[in-house]
Amino acid sequence: MSPPDPKMPHADAPPTPPDPENPVTVAPGPAVVPAPQYRWHHKMSAVLFVTFCLELGFFLIIFPWTDYWDGNFFSSLVPEWHQYWENMYLRGALSGLGILNLYIAFIEIVRLRRFSRH
């Protein structure tokens, strides 16, 4: 066993009084932040963003699996890319992006509560 360190206080030693030359400063509490004031354009932009994400999400989920997918302008733009355009993995990836857009839209719908008055 090592000898006790003279700098370390022992459990059985009485507490030492505070040093008057080095007073302890206490940090102030957290600052009070006022609640944000939302205006009509904040609310309207949130609703438009939700609408955009919903529409884009549904479009990206449904459109790659329709018959219009092979006959649109972009599929015939570069003939070498047609093999990739018909790939099911690409269609699945686009549908995955659609699901991501729907998720973002639903999260924003939940966040619309921030505009309600409590």
Protein backbone atom coordinates (compact mmCIF):
# COMPACT_ATOMS: atom_id res chain seq x y z
CA MET A 1 0.00 0.00 0.00
CA SER A 2 1.33 3.46 -0.87
CA PRO A 3 1.62 6.22 1.69
CA PRO A 4 -1.22 8.79 1.75
CA ASP A 5 -0.80 11.84 -0.45
CA PRO A 6 -0.56 15.02 1.67
CA LYS A 7 -2.36 17.06 -1.01
CA MET A 8 -5.40 14.79 -1.12
CA PRO A 9 -8.08 15.25 1.56
CA HIS A 10 -8.91 12.20 3.61
CA ALA A 11 -12.42 10.94 4.24
CA ASP A 12 -12.02 11.32 8.00
CA ALA A 13 -10.54 14.85 7.83
CA PRO A 14 -12.84 17.80 8.60
CA PRO A 15 -13.71 20.04 5.64
CA THR A 16 -11.46 23.04 5.19
CA PRO A 17 -13.00 26.53 5.25
CA PRO A 18 -13.05 28.50 1.98
CA ASP A 19 -9.96 30.53 1.20
CA PRO A 20 -10.81 34.28 1.53
CA GLU A 21 -8.08 35.23 -0.97
CA ASN A 22 -9.55 33.02 -3.74
CA PRO A 23 -13.32 33.29 -3.55
CA VAL A 24 -15.37 30.78 -5.49
CA THR A 25 -17.51 32.33 -8.19
CA VAL A 26 -20.85 30.83 -9.08
CA ALA A 27 -21.93 30.87 -12.72
CA PRO A 28 -25.27 32.57 -13.39
CA GLY A 29 -28.25 30.49 -14.44
CA PRO A 30 -29.26 29.98 -18.06
CA ALA A 31 -30.36 33.02 -19.98
CA VAL A 32 -34.07 33.37 -20.63
CA VAL A 33 -34.77 33.18 -24.34
CA PRO A 34 -38.08 34.64 -25.52
CA ALA A 35 -40.37 32.43 -27.58
CA PRO A 36 -40.05 32.99 -31.33
CA GLN A 37 -42.73 35.04 -33.01
CA TYR A 38 -44.01 33.27 -36.13
CA ARG A 39 -45.66 35.25 -38.89
CA TRP A 40 -47.99 34.16 -41.66
CA HIS A 41 -45.18 33.60 -44.19
CA HIS A 42 -43.43 31.17 -41.82
CA LYS A 43 -46.61 29.12 -41.55
CA MET A 44 -47.33 29.27 -45.28
CA SER A 45 -43.80 28.20 -46.22
CA ALA A 46 -44.02 25.24 -43.83
CA VAL A 47 -47.33 24.12 -45.36
CA LEU A 48 -45.93 24.53 -48.90
CA PHE A 49 -42.84 22.52 -47.96
CA VAL A 50 -45.00 19.70 -46.58
CA THR A 51 -47.14 19.74 -49.73
CA PHE A 52 -44.08 19.66 -51.97
CA CYS A 53 -42.51 16.74 -50.06
CA LEU A 54 -45.77 14.78 -50.12
CA GLU A 55 -46.28 15.26 -53.85
CA LEU A 56 -42.67 14.51 -54.74
CA GLY A 57 -42.67 11.45 -52.48
CA PHE A 58 -45.80 9.97 -54.00
CA PHE A 59 -44.52 10.74 -57.50
CA LEU A 60 -41.16 9.07 -56.89
CA ILE A 61 -42.80 6.01 -55.38
CA ILE A 62 -45.38 5.47 -58.14
CA PHE A 63 -43.96 6.82 -61.42
CA PRO A 64 -40.96 4.48 -61.90
CA TRP A 65 -43.31 1.50 -61.89
CA THR A 66 -45.81 2.80 -64.48
CA ASP A 67 -45.81 2.30 -68.26
CA TYR A 68 -44.93 5.97 -68.79
CA TRP A 69 -41.47 5.37 -67.32
CA ASP A 70 -40.08 3.82 -70.53
CA GLY A 71 -41.72 6.28 -72.91
CA ASN A 72 -40.76 9.64 -71.44
CA PHE A 73 -38.32 12.16 -72.90
CA PHE A 74 -35.37 11.35 -70.64
CA SER A 75 -35.38 7.61 -71.36
CA SER A 76 -34.66 8.25 -75.06
CA LEU A 77 -32.27 11.17 -74.52
CA VAL A 78 -29.12 9.01 -74.39
CA PRO A 79 -29.68 5.57 -75.93
CA GLU A 80 -26.67 4.06 -74.10
CA TRP A 81 -28.33 4.75 -70.76
CA HIS A 82 -31.48 2.79 -71.63
CA GLN A 83 -30.10 -0.36 -69.97
CA TYR A 84 -29.74 1.58 -66.71
CA TRP A 85 -33.11 3.27 -67.15
CA GLU A 86 -34.88 -0.10 -67.23
CA ASN A 87 -32.95 -1.49 -64.26
CA MET A 88 -35.18 -2.44 -61.35
CA TYR A 89 -32.54 -1.32 -58.85
CA LEU A 90 -32.72 2.24 -60.20
CA ARG A 91 -36.49 2.18 -59.94
CA GLY A 92 -36.24 0.87 -56.40
CA ALA A 93 -33.71 3.56 -55.48
CA LEU A 94 -36.04 6.27 -56.78
CA SER A 95 -38.91 4.73 -54.83
CA GLY A 96 -36.66 4.77 -51.77
CA LEU A 97 -36.10 8.49 -52.28
CA GLY A 98 -39.87 8.84 -52.47
CA ILE A 99 -40.24 7.10 -49.13
CA LEU A 100 -37.60 9.43 -47.70
CA ASN A 101 -39.59 12.43 -48.97
CA LEU A 102 -42.76 11.07 -47.36
CA TYR A 103 -40.88 10.61 -44.08
CA ILE A 104 -39.65 14.22 -44.22
CA ALA A 105 -43.19 15.41 -44.96
CA PHE A 106 -44.66 13.53 -42.00
CA ILE A 107 -41.94 14.84 -39.68
CA GLU A 108 -42.71 18.37 -40.85
CA ILE A 109 -46.41 17.77 -40.26
CA VAL A 110 -45.58 16.88 -36.66
CA ARG A 111 -43.37 19.97 -36.42
CA LEU A 112 -46.27 22.19 -37.56
CA ARG A 113 -47.36 22.15 -33.92
CA ARG A 114 -44.70 24.78 -33.26
CA PHE A 115 -47.05 27.33 -34.81
CA SER A 116 -49.90 26.55 -32.46
CA ARG A 117 -50.49 28.75 -29.45
CA HIS A 118 -50.21 27.03 -26.10
